[in-house]
Amino acid sequence: MTGRRAVLQLGWRGALTGAVLLLALVAVALAQTGVGQGVTGTLGLSAPAEPYTELYFADPTAVAAITEAPRHGTAVQRPAFTIRDEEGHSLTYRWSISVDGVRQRSGTQALATGQKDTIAAPVRVRCRRAGSADVAVALQHPSESISYLVSCRG
């Protein structure tokens, strides 16, 4: 009889262990969904998303089309860039556009969380050094920048 009791006790323990493992797997699967992530965040079981700012050229193909300027002249370009606020609060962004390190345009843009805006300010690109000119868009805070090279032709 002792052998049968051991088998029955092991059977219940095995069933209980299996049920706990199944429940854990279901909890892990639910935590991967949007609702589950909200619940785990509310309970303090997961870290909140890191705040960030996006800065990018609004139309990369348009940037590719303006990457040439006359070697001994000036070309006016309008590099359109987008700022998106995902910082978790409203921010006023200070931006600037420089050509070969010389600031030509600057301004501010106030954005609420989740909001984005595209800015296109004209700059004069003059090829002063052999080969290329560097056009850079920068944010002051948070410190972010993007740039492209203009090939000096002719």
N, C-alpha and C. Protein backbone atom coordinates (compact mmCIF):
# COMPACT_ATOMS: atom_id res chain seq x y z
N MET A 1 0.79 -1.19 0.00
CA MET A 1 0.00 0.00 0.00
C MET A 1 0.84 1.26 0.00
N THR A 2 1.96 1.18 0.61
CA THR A 2 2.84 2.34 0.67
C THR A 2 3.29 2.76 -0.73
N GLY A 3 3.56 1.78 -1.60
CA GLY A 3 3.96 2.08 -2.97
C GLY A 3 2.88 2.80 -3.74
N ARG A 4 1.61 2.39 -3.54
CA ARG A 4 0.50 3.04 -4.23
C ARG A 4 0.32 4.49 -3.76
N ARG A 5 0.46 4.73 -2.46
CA ARG A 5 0.33 6.08 -1.93
C ARG A 5 1.41 6.98 -2.52
N ALA A 6 2.61 6.47 -2.64
CA ALA A 6 3.72 7.25 -3.20
C ALA A 6 3.41 7.62 -4.65
N VAL A 7 2.85 6.68 -5.41
CA VAL A 7 2.51 6.95 -6.80
C VAL A 7 1.39 7.99 -6.86
N LEU A 8 0.36 7.87 -6.02
CA LEU A 8 -0.74 8.82 -6.01
C LEU A 8 -0.25 10.21 -5.61
N GLN A 9 0.61 10.29 -4.59
CA GLN A 9 1.13 11.58 -4.15
C GLN A 9 1.98 12.21 -5.25
N LEU A 10 2.78 11.42 -5.92
CA LEU A 10 3.60 11.92 -7.02
C LEU A 10 2.69 12.39 -8.15
N GLY A 11 1.60 11.69 -8.40
CA GLY A 11 0.65 12.08 -9.44
C GLY A 11 0.04 13.44 -9.16
N TRP A 12 -0.38 13.70 -7.93
CA TRP A 12 -0.95 14.99 -7.57
C TRP A 12 0.11 16.09 -7.62
N ARG A 13 1.30 15.76 -7.15
CA ARG A 13 2.39 16.74 -7.21
C ARG A 13 2.74 17.07 -8.66
N GLY A 14 2.76 16.05 -9.48
CA GLY A 14 3.06 16.24 -10.90
C GLY A 14 1.99 17.09 -11.58
N ALA A 15 0.71 16.80 -11.24
CA ALA A 15 -0.39 17.58 -11.82
C ALA A 15 -0.32 19.03 -11.35
N LEU A 16 -0.01 19.23 -10.08
CA LEU A 16 0.09 20.58 -9.54
C LEU A 16 1.26 21.33 -10.19
N THR A 17 2.39 20.67 -10.33
CA THR A 17 3.55 21.28 -10.98
C THR A 17 3.22 21.63 -12.44
N GLY A 18 2.55 20.73 -13.13
CA GLY A 18 2.16 20.99 -14.51
C GLY A 18 1.21 22.18 -14.62
N ALA A 19 0.26 22.28 -13.70
CA ALA A 19 -0.69 23.39 -13.71
C ALA A 19 0.02 24.72 -13.44
N VAL A 20 0.97 24.72 -12.51
CA VAL A 20 1.73 25.95 -12.22
C VAL A 20 2.55 26.36 -13.44
N LEU A 21 3.20 25.40 -14.10
CA LEU A 21 3.98 25.71 -15.30
C LEU A 21 3.08 26.24 -16.42
N LEU A 22 1.92 25.64 -16.60
CA LEU A 22 0.99 26.09 -17.62
C LEU A 22 0.51 27.52 -17.33
N LEU A 23 0.20 27.80 -16.07
CA LEU A 23 -0.21 29.14 -15.67
C LEU A 23 0.91 30.15 -15.92
N ALA A 24 2.14 29.78 -15.63
CA ALA A 24 3.28 30.67 -15.86
C ALA A 24 3.45 30.96 -17.35
N LEU A 25 3.29 29.95 -18.20
CA LEU A 25 3.40 30.14 -19.64
C LEU A 25 2.30 31.07 -20.17
N VAL A 26 1.09 30.90 -19.67
CA VAL A 26 -0.01 31.77 -20.08
C VAL A 26 0.27 33.20 -19.64
N ALA A 27 0.79 33.40 -18.42
CA ALA A 27 1.11 34.74 -17.93
C ALA A 27 2.19 35.40 -18.78
N VAL A 28 3.22 34.64 -19.16
CA VAL A 28 4.29 35.17 -20.01
C VAL A 28 3.73 35.55 -21.38
N ALA A 29 2.88 34.72 -21.95
CA ALA A 29 2.30 35.01 -23.25
C ALA A 29 1.43 36.28 -23.18
N LEU A 30 0.63 36.43 -22.15
CA LEU A 30 -0.22 37.62 -22.00
C LEU A 30 0.61 38.87 -21.79
N ALA A 31 1.75 38.74 -21.11
CA ALA A 31 2.60 39.91 -20.85
C ALA A 31 3.18 40.48 -22.14
N GLN A 32 3.19 39.71 -23.21
CA GLN A 32 3.72 40.17 -24.50
C GLN A 32 2.71 41.01 -25.28
N THR A 33 1.46 41.00 -24.90
CA THR A 33 0.44 41.77 -25.60
C THR A 33 0.43 43.21 -25.07
N GLY A 34 -0.22 44.12 -25.79
CA GLY A 34 -0.32 45.50 -25.36
C GLY A 34 -1.01 45.64 -24.01
N VAL A 35 -2.10 44.90 -23.82
CA VAL A 35 -2.82 44.93 -22.55
C VAL A 35 -1.94 44.40 -21.43
N GLY A 36 -1.25 43.31 -21.70
CA GLY A 36 -0.36 42.72 -20.70
C GLY A 36 0.77 43.65 -20.32
N GLN A 37 1.32 44.35 -21.30
CA GLN A 37 2.40 45.29 -21.00
C GLN A 37 1.90 46.44 -20.14
N GLY A 38 0.67 46.89 -20.40
CA GLY A 38 0.09 47.94 -19.56
C GLY A 38 -0.09 47.47 -18.13
N VAL A 39 -0.56 46.25 -17.95
CA VAL A 39 -0.76 45.69 -16.60
C VAL A 39 0.57 45.52 -15.89
N THR A 40 1.57 44.96 -16.59
CA THR A 40 2.87 44.75 -15.93
C THR A 40 3.53 46.09 -15.60
N GLY A 41 3.30 47.11 -16.44
CA GLY A 41 3.84 48.43 -16.14
C GLY A 41 3.16 49.04 -14.92
N THR A 42 1.84 48.88 -14.83
CA THR A 42 1.08 49.40 -13.69
C THR A 42 1.51 48.73 -12.39
N LEU A 43 1.80 47.44 -12.47
CA LEU A 43 2.23 46.69 -11.28
C LEU A 43 3.70 46.91 -10.96
N GLY A 44 4.41 47.64 -11.81
CA GLY A 44 5.83 47.88 -11.57
C GLY A 44 6.71 46.71 -11.95
N LEU A 45 6.19 45.81 -12.78
CA LEU A 45 6.95 44.62 -13.17
C LEU A 45 7.75 44.82 -14.45
N SER A 46 7.55 45.95 -15.14
CA SER A 46 8.33 46.23 -16.34
C SER A 46 8.69 47.71 -16.37
N ALA A 47 9.77 48.01 -17.03
CA ALA A 47 10.23 49.40 -17.10
C ALA A 47 9.40 50.16 -18.14
N PRO A 48 9.16 51.44 -17.89
CA PRO A 48 8.44 52.24 -18.88
C PRO A 48 9.33 52.46 -20.10
N ALA A 49 8.71 52.78 -21.23
CA ALA A 49 9.46 53.04 -22.45
C ALA A 49 10.36 54.26 -22.24
N GLU A 50 11.56 54.19 -22.78
CA GLU A 50 12.49 55.30 -22.70
C GLU A 50 11.98 56.47 -23.53
N PRO A 51 12.02 57.68 -23.01
CA PRO A 51 11.62 58.84 -23.81
C PRO A 51 12.66 59.11 -24.90
N TYR A 52 12.21 59.68 -26.01
CA TYR A 52 13.13 59.97 -27.10
C TYR A 52 12.57 61.05 -28.00
N THR A 53 13.46 61.61 -28.81
CA THR A 53 13.10 62.58 -29.85
C THR A 53 13.57 62.02 -31.17
N GLU A 54 12.73 62.11 -32.19
CA GLU A 54 13.13 61.69 -33.54
C GLU A 54 13.50 62.93 -34.34
N LEU A 55 14.60 62.84 -35.08
CA LEU A 55 15.01 63.89 -36.01
C LEU A 55 15.41 63.17 -37.29
N TYR A 56 14.74 63.49 -38.39
CA TYR A 56 15.05 62.82 -39.65
C TYR A 56 14.68 63.71 -40.83
N PHE A 57 15.31 63.43 -41.98
CA PHE A 57 14.94 64.15 -43.18
C PHE A 57 13.56 63.67 -43.62
N ALA A 58 12.69 64.62 -43.91
CA ALA A 58 11.30 64.30 -44.22
C ALA A 58 11.19 63.43 -45.46
N ASP A 59 12.02 63.67 -46.46
CA ASP A 59 11.98 62.90 -47.70
C ASP A 59 13.41 62.61 -48.13
N PRO A 60 13.95 61.47 -47.75
CA PRO A 60 15.34 61.14 -48.10
C PRO A 60 15.61 61.17 -49.60
N THR A 61 14.61 60.86 -50.42
CA THR A 61 14.84 60.91 -51.86
C THR A 61 15.01 62.35 -52.33
N ALA A 62 14.35 63.29 -51.68
CA ALA A 62 14.53 64.71 -52.02
C ALA A 62 15.93 65.18 -51.62
N VAL A 63 16.42 64.69 -50.49
CA VAL A 63 17.79 65.03 -50.08
C VAL A 63 18.78 64.50 -51.11
N ALA A 64 18.55 63.30 -51.57
CA ALA A 64 19.45 62.72 -52.58
C ALA A 64 19.45 63.55 -53.85
N ALA A 65 18.34 64.20 -54.16
CA ALA A 65 18.25 65.00 -55.39
C ALA A 65 18.95 66.35 -55.26
N ILE A 66 19.25 66.82 -54.04
CA ILE A 66 19.89 68.13 -53.87
C ILE A 66 21.34 68.01 -53.41
N THR A 67 21.97 66.92 -53.70
CA THR A 67 23.32 66.71 -53.20
C THR A 67 24.40 67.17 -54.18
N GLU A 68 24.06 68.11 -55.07
CA GLU A 68 25.06 68.70 -55.95
C GLU A 68 24.93 70.20 -55.95
N ALA A 69 26.07 70.88 -56.07
CA ALA A 69 26.11 72.33 -56.15
C ALA A 69 27.26 72.73 -57.06
N PRO A 70 27.18 73.91 -57.69
CA PRO A 70 28.28 74.33 -58.56
C PRO A 70 29.55 74.59 -57.75
N ARG A 71 30.68 74.21 -58.31
CA ARG A 71 31.95 74.34 -57.60
C ARG A 71 32.28 75.81 -57.31
N HIS A 72 31.98 76.72 -58.23
CA HIS A 72 32.31 78.13 -58.03
C HIS A 72 31.06 78.99 -57.99
N GLY A 73 30.06 78.53 -57.28
CA GLY A 73 28.82 79.29 -57.19
C GLY A 73 28.06 78.92 -55.94
N THR A 74 26.83 79.38 -55.88
CA THR A 74 25.99 79.13 -54.72
C THR A 74 24.69 78.48 -55.17
N ALA A 75 24.25 77.50 -54.42
CA ALA A 75 22.97 76.85 -54.67
C ALA A 75 22.09 77.02 -53.43
N VAL A 76 20.83 77.36 -53.65
CA VAL A 76 19.89 77.47 -52.53
C VAL A 76 19.18 76.13 -52.39
N GLN A 77 19.22 75.59 -51.17
CA GLN A 77 18.57 74.31 -50.89
C GLN A 77 17.63 74.46 -49.71
N ARG A 78 16.62 73.60 -49.68
CA ARG A 78 15.65 73.59 -48.59
C ARG A 78 15.59 72.19 -47.99
N PRO A 79 16.53 71.85 -47.13
CA PRO A 79 16.51 70.51 -46.53
C PRO A 79 15.35 70.38 -45.54
N ALA A 80 14.31 69.68 -45.93
CA ALA A 80 13.14 69.49 -45.06
C ALA A 80 13.43 68.40 -44.03
N PHE A 81 13.25 68.73 -42.76
CA PHE A 81 13.49 67.77 -41.69
C PHE A 81 12.28 67.74 -40.76
N THR A 82 12.13 66.61 -40.08
CA THR A 82 11.00 66.40 -39.17
C THR A 82 11.51 66.17 -37.76
N ILE A 83 10.84 66.80 -36.81
CA ILE A 83 11.10 66.58 -35.38
C ILE A 83 9.84 65.95 -34.80
N ARG A 84 10.02 64.89 -34.03
CA ARG A 84 8.89 64.23 -33.37
C ARG A 84 9.20 64.10 -31.88
N ASP A 85 8.27 64.54 -31.06
CA ASP A 85 8.43 64.51 -29.60
C ASP A 85 7.81 63.25 -29.01
N GLU A 86 8.65 62.40 -28.47
CA GLU A 86 8.19 61.21 -27.71
C GLU A 86 8.85 61.22 -26.34
N GLU A 87 9.03 62.42 -25.78
CA GLU A 87 9.72 62.60 -24.51
C GLU A 87 8.82 62.42 -23.29
N GLY A 88 7.51 62.34 -23.52
CA GLY A 88 6.59 62.17 -22.40
C GLY A 88 6.06 63.49 -21.86
N HIS A 89 6.51 64.60 -22.43
CA HIS A 89 6.01 65.93 -22.06
C HIS A 89 6.29 66.89 -23.22
N SER A 90 5.63 68.03 -23.20
CA SER A 90 5.81 69.02 -24.26
C SER A 90 7.20 69.63 -24.18
N LEU A 91 7.78 69.90 -25.34
CA LEU A 91 9.10 70.52 -25.40
C LEU A 91 9.12 71.59 -26.49
N THR A 92 9.97 72.57 -26.29
CA THR A 92 10.27 73.54 -27.34
C THR A 92 11.68 73.23 -27.81
N TYR A 93 11.78 72.80 -29.04
CA TYR A 93 13.06 72.39 -29.61
C TYR A 93 13.74 73.58 -30.28
N ARG A 94 15.02 73.77 -30.02
CA ARG A 94 15.84 74.76 -30.71
C ARG A 94 16.60 74.02 -31.80
N TRP A 95 16.41 74.45 -33.05
CA TRP A 95 17.05 73.79 -34.18
C TRP A 95 17.92 74.78 -34.94
N SER A 96 18.88 74.24 -35.69
CA SER A 96 19.71 75.09 -36.55
C SER A 96 20.14 74.28 -37.77
N ILE A 97 20.42 75.01 -38.85
CA ILE A 97 20.95 74.41 -40.07
C ILE A 97 22.28 75.12 -40.37
N SER A 98 23.33 74.33 -40.52
CA SER A 98 24.66 74.86 -40.79
C SER A 98 25.19 74.29 -42.09
N VAL A 99 26.00 75.09 -42.78
CA VAL A 99 26.71 74.62 -43.97
C VAL A 99 28.20 74.78 -43.68
N ASP A 100 28.92 73.67 -43.72
CA ASP A 100 30.35 73.64 -43.38
C ASP A 100 30.63 74.31 -42.04
N GLY A 101 29.77 74.04 -41.06
CA GLY A 101 29.96 74.54 -39.70
C GLY A 101 29.51 75.96 -39.45
N VAL A 102 29.00 76.64 -40.46
CA VAL A 102 28.53 78.02 -40.31
C VAL A 102 27.00 78.01 -40.24
N ARG A 103 26.45 78.46 -39.12
CA ARG A 103 24.99 78.47 -38.94
C ARG A 103 24.35 79.47 -39.89
N GLN A 104 23.37 78.99 -40.64
CA GLN A 104 22.65 79.85 -41.58
C GLN A 104 21.21 80.11 -41.16
N ARG A 105 20.58 79.15 -40.54
CA ARG A 105 19.18 79.29 -40.11
C ARG A 105 19.04 78.66 -38.73
N SER A 106 18.12 79.22 -37.96
CA SER A 106 17.81 78.62 -36.66
C SER A 106 16.39 79.03 -36.28
N GLY A 107 15.84 78.31 -35.34
CA GLY A 107 14.49 78.60 -34.90
C GLY A 107 14.08 77.70 -33.76
N THR A 108 12.84 77.81 -33.36
CA THR A 108 12.29 76.96 -32.31
C THR A 108 11.00 76.33 -32.80
N GLN A 109 10.68 75.19 -32.25
CA GLN A 109 9.44 74.48 -32.58
C GLN A 109 8.90 73.84 -31.32
N ALA A 110 7.72 74.26 -30.89
CA ALA A 110 7.07 73.68 -29.71
C ALA A 110 6.23 72.48 -30.16
N LEU A 111 6.41 71.36 -29.46
CA LEU A 111 5.67 70.15 -29.77
C LEU A 111 5.16 69.49 -28.50
N ALA A 112 3.97 68.92 -28.57
CA ALA A 112 3.42 68.12 -27.49
C ALA A 112 3.86 66.67 -27.69
N THR A 113 3.74 65.87 -26.66
CA THR A 113 4.10 64.46 -26.77
C THR A 113 3.33 63.79 -27.90
N GLY A 114 4.04 63.07 -28.77
CA GLY A 114 3.43 62.38 -29.89
C GLY A 114 3.26 63.24 -31.12
N GLN A 115 3.50 64.53 -31.00
CA GLN A 115 3.33 65.45 -32.12
C GLN A 115 4.63 65.56 -32.91
N LYS A 116 4.50 65.81 -34.22
CA LYS A 116 5.67 66.03 -35.07
C LYS A 116 5.40 67.19 -35.99
N ASP A 117 6.48 67.79 -36.49
CA ASP A 117 6.35 68.88 -37.44
C ASP A 117 7.53 68.83 -38.39
N THR A 118 7.29 69.24 -39.63
CA THR A 118 8.33 69.27 -40.65
C THR A 118 8.67 70.72 -40.95
N ILE A 119 9.95 71.00 -41.00
CA ILE A 119 10.47 72.35 -41.23
C ILE A 119 11.35 72.31 -42.48
N ALA A 120 11.19 73.30 -43.34
CA ALA A 120 12.03 73.42 -44.54
C ALA A 120 12.48 74.87 -44.64
N ALA A 121 13.71 75.16 -44.27
CA ALA A 121 14.26 76.51 -44.31
C ALA A 121 15.35 76.58 -45.37
N PRO A 122 15.34 77.63 -46.19
CA PRO A 122 16.35 77.71 -47.25
C PRO A 122 17.74 78.03 -46.70
N VAL A 123 18.74 77.40 -47.27
CA VAL A 123 20.14 77.68 -46.94
C VAL A 123 20.92 77.81 -48.25
N ARG A 124 21.98 78.60 -48.19
CA ARG A 124 22.85 78.77 -49.36
C ARG A 124 24.05 77.85 -49.21
N VAL A 125 24.22 76.99 -50.19
CA VAL A 125 25.36 76.07 -50.18
C VAL A 125 26.39 76.62 -51.17
N ARG A 126 27.54 76.94 -50.62
CA ARG A 126 28.63 77.44 -51.45
C ARG A 126 29.82 76.50 -51.25
N CYS A 127 30.29 75.96 -52.32
CA CYS A 127 31.40 75.02 -52.25
C CYS A 127 32.70 75.79 -52.05
N ARG A 128 33.19 75.79 -50.83
CA ARG A 128 34.42 76.51 -50.51
C ARG A 128 35.63 75.59 -50.50
N ARG A 129 35.43 74.34 -50.20
CA ARG A 129 36.55 73.42 -50.18
C ARG A 129 36.39 72.43 -51.32
N ALA A 130 37.46 71.84 -51.69
CA ALA A 130 37.44 70.89 -52.81
C ALA A 130 36.59 69.67 -52.47
N GLY A 131 35.73 69.32 -53.37
CA GLY A 131 35.01 68.07 -53.24
C GLY A 131 33.59 68.13 -52.72
N SER A 132 33.37 68.77 -51.54
CA SER A 132 32.03 68.70 -50.98
C SER A 132 31.77 69.80 -49.96
N ALA A 133 30.51 69.95 -49.61
CA ALA A 133 30.07 70.85 -48.54
C ALA A 133 29.15 70.04 -47.63
N ASP A 134 29.25 70.28 -46.33
CA ASP A 134 28.47 69.53 -45.35
C ASP A 134 27.28 70.37 -44.88
N VAL A 135 26.06 69.83 -45.05
CA VAL A 135 24.84 70.50 -44.58
C VAL A 135 24.34 69.71 -43.37
N ALA A 136 24.25 70.39 -42.21
CA ALA A 136 23.87 69.71 -40.97
C ALA A 136 22.67 70.38 -40.33
N VAL A 137 21.75 69.55 -39.84
CA VAL A 137 20.60 70.00 -39.07
C VAL A 137 20.83 69.51 -37.65
N ALA A 138 20.71 70.42 -36.67
CA ALA A 138 20.99 70.04 -35.29
C ALA A 138 19.91 70.53 -34.35
N LEU A 139 19.67 69.75 -33.30
CA LEU A 139 18.82 70.17 -32.19
C LEU A 139 19.74 70.46 -31.01
N GLN A 140 19.40 71.49 -30.25
CA GLN A 140 20.24 71.84 -29.11
C GLN A 140 19.98 70.91 -27.92
N HIS A 141 18.70 70.71 -27.57
CA HIS A 141 18.38 69.83 -26.44
C HIS A 141 17.08 69.10 -26.72
N PRO A 142 17.10 67.79 -26.82
CA PRO A 142 18.27 66.94 -26.66
C PRO A 142 19.21 67.10 -27.85
N SER A 143 20.47 66.85 -27.62
CA SER A 143 21.49 67.03 -28.65
C SER A 143 21.37 65.92 -29.70
N GLU A 144 20.88 66.29 -30.87
CA GLU A 144 20.72 65.36 -31.99
C GLU A 144 21.14 66.08 -33.26
N SER A 145 21.65 65.35 -34.24
CA SER A 145 21.97 66.00 -35.51
C SER A 145 21.92 64.99 -36.65
N ILE A 146 21.66 65.50 -37.83
CA ILE A 146 21.68 64.73 -39.07
C ILE A 146 22.37 65.60 -40.11
N SER A 147 22.95 64.98 -41.12
CA SER A 147 23.64 65.78 -42.13
C SER A 147 23.71 65.03 -43.45
N TYR A 148 24.09 65.78 -44.49
CA TYR A 148 24.35 65.17 -45.80
C TYR A 148 25.46 65.97 -46.47
N LEU A 149 26.14 65.34 -47.38
CA LEU A 149 27.21 65.98 -48.14
C LEU A 149 26.70 66.42 -49.50
N VAL A 150 27.12 67.61 -49.89
CA VAL A 150 26.79 68.15 -51.20
C VAL A 150 28.06 68.05 -52.04
N SER A 151 27.95 67.40 -53.17
CA SER A 151 29.09 67.26 -54.07
C SER A 151 29.25 68.54 -54.89
N CYS A 152 30.46 69.06 -54.93
CA CYS A 152 30.75 70.28 -55.70
C CYS A 152 31.13 69.86 -57.11
N ARG A 153 30.30 70.22 -58.06
CA ARG A 153 30.55 69.80 -59.43
C ARG A 153 31.06 70.97 -60.27
N GLY A 154 31.60 70.63 -61.40
CA GLY A 154 31.98 71.62 -62.38
C GLY A 154 33.29 72.20 -62.15
